């Protein structure tokens, strides 16, 4: 991929967000960070992003609610959910809500980077297909 992938990362764990952003930047990705779902939505409304990575459990607006709002304003932007507390119900709700992936924390960085790259590729294809529709 020639251009950098633009990732919006939202997680309430500041140290985790900082270190993950640093690792993704080292993998030639542009990273914006937010501390919660509402901040992520605000950033997304002001910036172009290729992929959004959300923590499932955040204070205020959780990842599932944030994903539902993202679907309303940017329906083609893929959302990857991360959580240290994944259960069957959350996974079902995430998949039904259109999550590109649901990954457990701690997630190997190679797994997350590959999920981000794959989601970005699917977004490009979806945008091309949408552009062809009359």
N, C-alpha and C. Protein backbone atom coordinates (compact mmCIF):
# COMPACT_ATOMS: atom_id res chain seq x y z
N UNK A 1 0.84 -1.17 0.00
CA UNK A 1 0.00 0.00 0.00
C UNK A 1 0.89 1.24 0.00
N UNK A 2 0.69 2.11 -0.95
CA UNK A 2 1.57 3.27 -1.12
C UNK A 2 1.32 4.32 -0.04
N UNK A 3 0.07 4.69 0.20
CA UNK A 3 -0.24 5.71 1.19
C UNK A 3 -0.32 5.10 2.58
N UNK A 4 -0.06 5.93 3.57
CA UNK A 4 -0.18 5.47 4.95
C UNK A 4 -1.65 5.21 5.27
N UNK A 5 -1.89 4.17 6.02
CA UNK A 5 -3.23 3.90 6.52
C UNK A 5 -3.48 4.85 7.69
N UNK A 6 -4.63 5.51 7.67
CA UNK A 6 -5.00 6.44 8.74
C UNK A 6 -5.91 5.71 9.73
N UNK A 7 -5.43 5.57 10.95
CA UNK A 7 -6.13 4.81 11.98
C UNK A 7 -6.58 5.74 13.10
N UNK A 8 -7.82 5.60 13.51
CA UNK A 8 -8.32 6.27 14.69
C UNK A 8 -8.40 5.22 15.79
N UNK A 9 -7.69 5.45 16.87
CA UNK A 9 -7.60 4.51 17.98
C UNK A 9 -8.27 5.12 19.20
N UNK A 10 -9.31 4.47 19.72
CA UNK A 10 -10.02 4.98 20.90
C UNK A 10 -9.99 3.95 22.01
N UNK A 11 -9.39 4.35 23.12
CA UNK A 11 -9.28 3.47 24.29
C UNK A 11 -9.08 4.35 25.51
N UNK A 12 -9.71 4.00 26.61
CA UNK A 12 -9.59 4.81 27.82
C UNK A 12 -8.31 4.52 28.61
N UNK A 13 -7.58 3.49 28.24
CA UNK A 13 -6.31 3.18 28.91
C UNK A 13 -5.19 3.97 28.20
N UNK A 14 -4.81 5.08 28.81
CA UNK A 14 -3.87 6.02 28.18
C UNK A 14 -2.53 5.37 27.84
N UNK A 15 -1.96 4.59 28.73
CA UNK A 15 -0.66 3.95 28.46
C UNK A 15 -0.76 2.97 27.30
N UNK A 16 -1.85 2.20 27.26
CA UNK A 16 -2.06 1.26 26.17
C UNK A 16 -2.18 2.01 24.85
N UNK A 17 -2.99 3.05 24.84
CA UNK A 17 -3.20 3.84 23.63
C UNK A 17 -1.89 4.45 23.13
N UNK A 18 -1.14 5.01 24.04
CA UNK A 18 0.13 5.64 23.67
C UNK A 18 1.10 4.62 23.07
N UNK A 19 1.25 3.48 23.72
CA UNK A 19 2.21 2.48 23.21
C UNK A 19 1.73 1.86 21.91
N UNK A 20 0.43 1.60 21.79
CA UNK A 20 -0.09 1.04 20.54
C UNK A 20 0.05 2.03 19.39
N UNK A 21 -0.22 3.30 19.65
CA UNK A 21 -0.07 4.34 18.62
C UNK A 21 1.38 4.39 18.15
N UNK A 22 2.30 4.30 19.07
CA UNK A 22 3.72 4.34 18.73
C UNK A 22 4.10 3.16 17.84
N UNK A 23 3.63 1.98 18.18
CA UNK A 23 3.94 0.78 17.40
C UNK A 23 3.33 0.88 16.00
N UNK A 24 2.09 1.35 15.91
CA UNK A 24 1.45 1.48 14.60
C UNK A 24 2.14 2.54 13.74
N UNK A 25 2.59 3.63 14.36
CA UNK A 25 3.34 4.65 13.62
C UNK A 25 4.64 4.07 13.09
N UNK A 26 5.27 3.21 13.86
CA UNK A 26 6.50 2.55 13.40
C UNK A 26 6.23 1.60 12.24
N UNK A 27 4.98 1.23 12.06
CA UNK A 27 4.57 0.38 10.93
C UNK A 27 4.02 1.23 9.78
N UNK A 28 4.39 2.50 9.79
CA UNK A 28 4.05 3.44 8.71
C UNK A 28 2.55 3.73 8.62
N UNK A 29 1.90 3.81 9.77
CA UNK A 29 0.49 4.20 9.82
C UNK A 29 0.38 5.56 10.50
N UNK A 30 -0.59 6.35 10.08
CA UNK A 30 -0.92 7.60 10.77
C UNK A 30 -1.95 7.26 11.83
N UNK A 31 -1.76 7.76 13.03
CA UNK A 31 -2.65 7.40 14.14
C UNK A 31 -3.18 8.63 14.85
N UNK A 32 -4.49 8.69 14.98
CA UNK A 32 -5.16 9.67 15.84
C UNK A 32 -5.66 8.90 17.05
N UNK A 33 -5.64 9.53 18.22
CA UNK A 33 -6.10 8.83 19.42
C UNK A 33 -7.22 9.60 20.11
N UNK A 34 -8.09 8.83 20.76
CA UNK A 34 -9.19 9.38 21.54
C UNK A 34 -9.30 8.56 22.82
N UNK A 35 -9.82 9.20 23.87
CA UNK A 35 -9.94 8.52 25.17
C UNK A 35 -11.29 7.87 25.38
N UNK A 36 -12.26 8.16 24.51
CA UNK A 36 -13.58 7.57 24.66
C UNK A 36 -14.33 7.64 23.33
N UNK A 37 -15.51 7.05 23.31
CA UNK A 37 -16.29 6.99 22.09
C UNK A 37 -16.72 8.35 21.57
N UNK A 38 -17.14 9.24 22.47
CA UNK A 38 -17.58 10.57 22.04
C UNK A 38 -16.43 11.35 21.40
N UNK A 39 -15.25 11.27 21.98
CA UNK A 39 -14.08 11.94 21.41
C UNK A 39 -13.71 11.34 20.06
N UNK A 40 -13.86 10.03 19.94
CA UNK A 40 -13.57 9.36 18.67
C UNK A 40 -14.51 9.87 17.58
N UNK A 41 -15.79 10.01 17.91
CA UNK A 41 -16.76 10.51 16.93
C UNK A 41 -16.43 11.94 16.51
N UNK A 42 -16.03 12.75 17.47
CA UNK A 42 -15.67 14.13 17.15
C UNK A 42 -14.46 14.16 16.20
N UNK A 43 -13.43 13.37 16.51
CA UNK A 43 -12.25 13.31 15.64
C UNK A 43 -12.61 12.79 14.25
N UNK A 44 -13.46 11.78 14.21
CA UNK A 44 -13.85 11.20 12.92
C UNK A 44 -14.63 12.20 12.07
N UNK A 45 -15.39 13.08 12.71
CA UNK A 45 -16.15 14.07 11.95
C UNK A 45 -15.23 15.17 11.39
N UNK A 46 -14.03 15.31 11.97
CA UNK A 46 -13.09 16.34 11.55
C UNK A 46 -11.95 15.81 10.69
N UNK A 47 -11.76 14.50 10.66
CA UNK A 47 -10.60 13.92 9.99
C UNK A 47 -11.02 12.73 9.13
N UNK A 48 -10.23 12.47 8.12
CA UNK A 48 -10.44 11.26 7.32
C UNK A 48 -9.66 10.12 7.95
N UNK A 49 -10.33 9.00 8.14
CA UNK A 49 -9.68 7.81 8.68
C UNK A 49 -10.05 6.62 7.82
N UNK A 50 -9.11 5.70 7.71
CA UNK A 50 -9.35 4.49 6.93
C UNK A 50 -9.95 3.38 7.79
N UNK A 51 -9.54 3.33 9.06
CA UNK A 51 -9.96 2.28 9.98
C UNK A 51 -10.09 2.88 11.37
N UNK A 52 -11.10 2.43 12.12
CA UNK A 52 -11.25 2.83 13.51
C UNK A 52 -11.05 1.59 14.38
N UNK A 53 -10.23 1.74 15.41
CA UNK A 53 -10.01 0.68 16.40
C UNK A 53 -10.57 1.19 17.72
N UNK A 54 -11.57 0.48 18.25
CA UNK A 54 -12.26 0.90 19.46
C UNK A 54 -12.13 -0.13 20.57
N UNK A 55 -11.93 0.35 21.78
CA UNK A 55 -12.04 -0.51 22.95
C UNK A 55 -13.52 -0.81 23.14
N UNK A 56 -13.85 -2.01 23.49
CA UNK A 56 -15.24 -2.38 23.69
C UNK A 56 -15.83 -1.70 24.93
N UNK A 57 -15.03 -1.66 26.00
CA UNK A 57 -15.51 -1.07 27.25
C UNK A 57 -14.77 0.23 27.54
N UNK A 58 -15.52 1.32 27.43
CA UNK A 58 -14.99 2.65 27.74
C UNK A 58 -16.05 3.38 28.55
N UNK A 59 -15.64 4.30 29.41
CA UNK A 59 -16.64 5.08 30.15
C UNK A 59 -17.42 5.99 29.21
N UNK A 60 -18.63 6.29 29.60
CA UNK A 60 -19.47 7.14 28.74
C UNK A 60 -20.02 6.31 27.60
N UNK A 61 -19.49 6.54 26.42
CA UNK A 61 -19.94 5.82 25.23
C UNK A 61 -19.03 4.62 24.99
N UNK A 62 -19.59 3.41 25.10
CA UNK A 62 -18.77 2.22 24.89
C UNK A 62 -18.52 1.98 23.41
N UNK A 63 -17.73 0.98 23.11
CA UNK A 63 -17.34 0.70 21.73
C UNK A 63 -18.51 0.32 20.83
N UNK A 64 -19.47 -0.44 21.34
CA UNK A 64 -20.62 -0.83 20.52
C UNK A 64 -21.47 0.38 20.15
N UNK A 65 -21.69 1.27 21.11
CA UNK A 65 -22.48 2.48 20.84
C UNK A 65 -21.73 3.38 19.88
N UNK A 66 -20.42 3.54 20.11
CA UNK A 66 -19.61 4.38 19.21
C UNK A 66 -19.64 3.81 17.79
N UNK A 67 -19.54 2.48 17.67
CA UNK A 67 -19.57 1.86 16.35
C UNK A 67 -20.90 2.13 15.65
N UNK A 68 -22.00 2.06 16.38
CA UNK A 68 -23.32 2.34 15.79
C UNK A 68 -23.39 3.77 15.28
N UNK A 69 -22.81 4.71 16.02
CA UNK A 69 -22.80 6.10 15.58
C UNK A 69 -21.88 6.30 14.37
N UNK A 70 -20.77 5.60 14.36
CA UNK A 70 -19.84 5.67 13.22
C UNK A 70 -20.54 5.18 11.97
N UNK A 71 -21.31 4.11 12.09
CA UNK A 71 -22.05 3.56 10.94
C UNK A 71 -22.98 4.60 10.34
N UNK A 72 -23.53 5.49 11.18
CA UNK A 72 -24.45 6.52 10.70
C UNK A 72 -23.73 7.61 9.91
N UNK A 73 -22.53 7.99 10.35
CA UNK A 73 -21.85 9.12 9.71
C UNK A 73 -20.82 8.70 8.66
N UNK A 74 -20.22 7.54 8.84
CA UNK A 74 -19.21 7.05 7.90
C UNK A 74 -19.41 5.53 7.73
N UNK A 75 -20.44 5.14 7.00
CA UNK A 75 -20.80 3.71 6.94
C UNK A 75 -19.73 2.79 6.33
N UNK A 76 -18.84 3.31 5.52
CA UNK A 76 -17.84 2.45 4.89
C UNK A 76 -16.54 2.32 5.69
N UNK A 77 -16.40 3.11 6.75
CA UNK A 77 -15.18 3.03 7.56
C UNK A 77 -15.26 1.79 8.44
N UNK A 78 -14.32 0.86 8.27
CA UNK A 78 -14.35 -0.36 9.08
C UNK A 78 -13.98 -0.08 10.54
N UNK A 79 -14.60 -0.83 11.42
CA UNK A 79 -14.36 -0.72 12.85
C UNK A 79 -13.86 -2.05 13.39
N UNK A 80 -12.74 -1.99 14.09
CA UNK A 80 -12.19 -3.17 14.77
C UNK A 80 -12.37 -2.93 16.27
N UNK A 81 -12.97 -3.89 16.96
CA UNK A 81 -13.18 -3.77 18.39
C UNK A 81 -12.13 -4.60 19.14
N UNK A 82 -11.57 -4.00 20.19
CA UNK A 82 -10.61 -4.67 21.06
C UNK A 82 -11.19 -4.72 22.46
N UNK A 83 -10.96 -5.82 23.16
CA UNK A 83 -11.39 -5.88 24.54
C UNK A 83 -10.67 -6.98 25.29
N UNK A 84 -10.47 -6.73 26.56
CA UNK A 84 -9.93 -7.74 27.45
C UNK A 84 -11.04 -8.58 28.05
N UNK A 85 -12.29 -8.23 27.77
CA UNK A 85 -13.44 -8.90 28.37
C UNK A 85 -14.47 -9.25 27.31
N UNK A 86 -14.12 -10.11 26.39
CA UNK A 86 -15.05 -10.46 25.32
C UNK A 86 -15.89 -11.66 25.75
N UNK A 87 -17.20 -11.55 25.53
CA UNK A 87 -18.10 -12.66 25.79
C UNK A 87 -18.92 -12.90 24.52
N UNK A 88 -19.66 -13.99 24.50
CA UNK A 88 -20.42 -14.36 23.31
C UNK A 88 -21.43 -13.27 22.94
N UNK A 89 -22.11 -12.70 23.91
CA UNK A 89 -23.10 -11.67 23.63
C UNK A 89 -22.46 -10.44 22.99
N UNK A 90 -21.34 -9.99 23.54
CA UNK A 90 -20.65 -8.82 22.98
C UNK A 90 -20.18 -9.10 21.56
N UNK A 91 -19.63 -10.30 21.33
CA UNK A 91 -19.17 -10.65 19.98
C UNK A 91 -20.33 -10.68 19.00
N UNK A 92 -21.46 -11.22 19.43
CA UNK A 92 -22.64 -11.28 18.56
C UNK A 92 -23.12 -9.87 18.23
N UNK A 93 -23.21 -9.01 19.24
CA UNK A 93 -23.63 -7.63 19.01
C UNK A 93 -22.65 -6.90 18.11
N UNK A 94 -21.36 -7.13 18.30
CA UNK A 94 -20.34 -6.48 17.48
C UNK A 94 -20.45 -6.93 16.02
N UNK A 95 -20.60 -8.22 15.81
CA UNK A 95 -20.72 -8.73 14.44
C UNK A 95 -22.01 -8.25 13.78
N UNK A 96 -23.11 -8.29 14.54
CA UNK A 96 -24.39 -7.80 14.01
C UNK A 96 -24.32 -6.31 13.69
N UNK A 97 -23.51 -5.57 14.45
CA UNK A 97 -23.36 -4.13 14.24
C UNK A 97 -22.39 -3.77 13.13
N UNK A 98 -21.74 -4.77 12.56
CA UNK A 98 -20.86 -4.51 11.42
C UNK A 98 -19.39 -4.40 11.74
N UNK A 99 -18.95 -4.92 12.89
CA UNK A 99 -17.52 -4.87 13.20
C UNK A 99 -16.73 -5.69 12.19
N UNK A 100 -15.60 -5.14 11.75
CA UNK A 100 -14.73 -5.86 10.83
C UNK A 100 -14.03 -7.01 11.54
N UNK A 101 -13.68 -6.79 12.80
CA UNK A 101 -12.99 -7.78 13.63
C UNK A 101 -13.33 -7.51 15.08
N UNK A 102 -13.26 -8.54 15.91
CA UNK A 102 -13.30 -8.41 17.35
C UNK A 102 -12.08 -9.16 17.86
N UNK A 103 -11.17 -8.44 18.51
CA UNK A 103 -9.90 -9.02 18.95
C UNK A 103 -9.76 -8.89 20.46
N UNK A 104 -9.14 -9.90 21.06
CA UNK A 104 -8.89 -9.91 22.51
C UNK A 104 -7.61 -9.16 22.84
N UNK A 105 -7.64 -8.39 23.95
CA UNK A 105 -6.44 -7.79 24.51
C UNK A 105 -5.84 -8.79 25.48
N UNK A 106 -4.59 -8.91 25.59
CA UNK A 106 -3.60 -8.28 24.70
C UNK A 106 -3.58 -9.00 23.35
N UNK A 107 -3.57 -8.23 22.31
CA UNK A 107 -3.58 -8.75 20.95
C UNK A 107 -2.17 -8.63 20.38
N UNK A 108 -1.64 -9.71 19.79
CA UNK A 108 -0.33 -9.57 19.16
C UNK A 108 -0.37 -8.45 18.10
N UNK A 109 0.64 -7.62 18.08
CA UNK A 109 0.65 -6.47 17.17
C UNK A 109 0.56 -6.90 15.71
N UNK A 110 1.16 -8.03 15.36
CA UNK A 110 1.06 -8.51 13.98
C UNK A 110 -0.39 -8.82 13.62
N UNK A 111 -1.11 -9.40 14.56
CA UNK A 111 -2.52 -9.72 14.32
C UNK A 111 -3.33 -8.44 14.11
N UNK A 112 -3.11 -7.45 14.98
CA UNK A 112 -3.84 -6.18 14.85
C UNK A 112 -3.46 -5.46 13.56
N UNK A 113 -2.17 -5.39 13.26
CA UNK A 113 -1.73 -4.71 12.04
C UNK A 113 -2.32 -5.37 10.80
N UNK A 114 -2.34 -6.69 10.78
CA UNK A 114 -2.93 -7.40 9.65
C UNK A 114 -4.43 -7.12 9.55
N UNK A 115 -5.12 -7.09 10.70
CA UNK A 115 -6.56 -6.80 10.71
C UNK A 115 -6.81 -5.39 10.17
N UNK A 116 -5.97 -4.43 10.56
CA UNK A 116 -6.11 -3.05 10.08
C UNK A 116 -5.88 -3.00 8.57
N UNK A 117 -4.82 -3.63 8.09
CA UNK A 117 -4.52 -3.63 6.66
C UNK A 117 -5.65 -4.29 5.86
N UNK A 118 -6.15 -5.43 6.34
CA UNK A 118 -7.24 -6.12 5.64
C UNK A 118 -8.52 -5.29 5.62
N UNK A 119 -8.82 -4.66 6.74
CA UNK A 119 -10.02 -3.81 6.82
C UNK A 119 -9.91 -2.63 5.86
N UNK A 120 -8.72 -2.07 5.76
CA UNK A 120 -8.50 -0.94 4.85
C UNK A 120 -8.68 -1.38 3.40
N UNK A 121 -8.17 -2.55 3.07
CA UNK A 121 -8.35 -3.07 1.70
C UNK A 121 -9.83 -3.29 1.38
N UNK A 122 -10.57 -3.85 2.34
CA UNK A 122 -12.01 -4.06 2.12
C UNK A 122 -12.74 -2.72 1.97
N UNK A 123 -12.29 -1.69 2.69
CA UNK A 123 -12.90 -0.36 2.57
C UNK A 123 -12.69 0.20 1.17
N UNK A 124 -11.48 0.06 0.63
CA UNK A 124 -11.19 0.55 -0.72
C UNK A 124 -12.10 -0.15 -1.73
N UNK A 125 -12.26 -1.45 -1.60
CA UNK A 125 -13.13 -2.20 -2.51
C UNK A 125 -14.58 -1.74 -2.38
N UNK A 126 -15.05 -1.55 -1.14
CA UNK A 126 -16.42 -1.09 -0.92
C UNK A 126 -16.65 0.29 -1.51
N UNK A 127 -15.65 1.18 -1.39
CA UNK A 127 -15.78 2.51 -1.96
C UNK A 127 -15.81 2.45 -3.49
N UNK A 128 -15.00 1.59 -4.08
CA UNK A 128 -15.02 1.44 -5.54
C UNK A 128 -16.36 0.90 -6.01
N UNK A 129 -16.90 -0.06 -5.29
CA UNK A 129 -18.21 -0.62 -5.68
C UNK A 129 -19.32 0.43 -5.52
N UNK A 130 -19.25 1.23 -4.46
CA UNK A 130 -20.26 2.26 -4.24
C UNK A 130 -20.18 3.33 -5.34
N UNK A 131 -18.99 3.63 -5.80
CA UNK A 131 -18.82 4.64 -6.84
C UNK A 131 -19.38 4.17 -8.17
N UNK A 132 -19.44 2.87 -8.40
CA UNK A 132 -19.95 2.32 -9.66
C UNK A 132 -21.46 2.25 -9.71
N UNK A 133 -22.11 2.32 -8.54
CA UNK A 133 -23.57 2.23 -8.51
C UNK A 133 -24.18 3.49 -9.11
N UNK A 134 -25.24 3.31 -9.90
CA UNK A 134 -25.90 4.48 -10.49
C UNK A 134 -26.64 5.31 -9.47
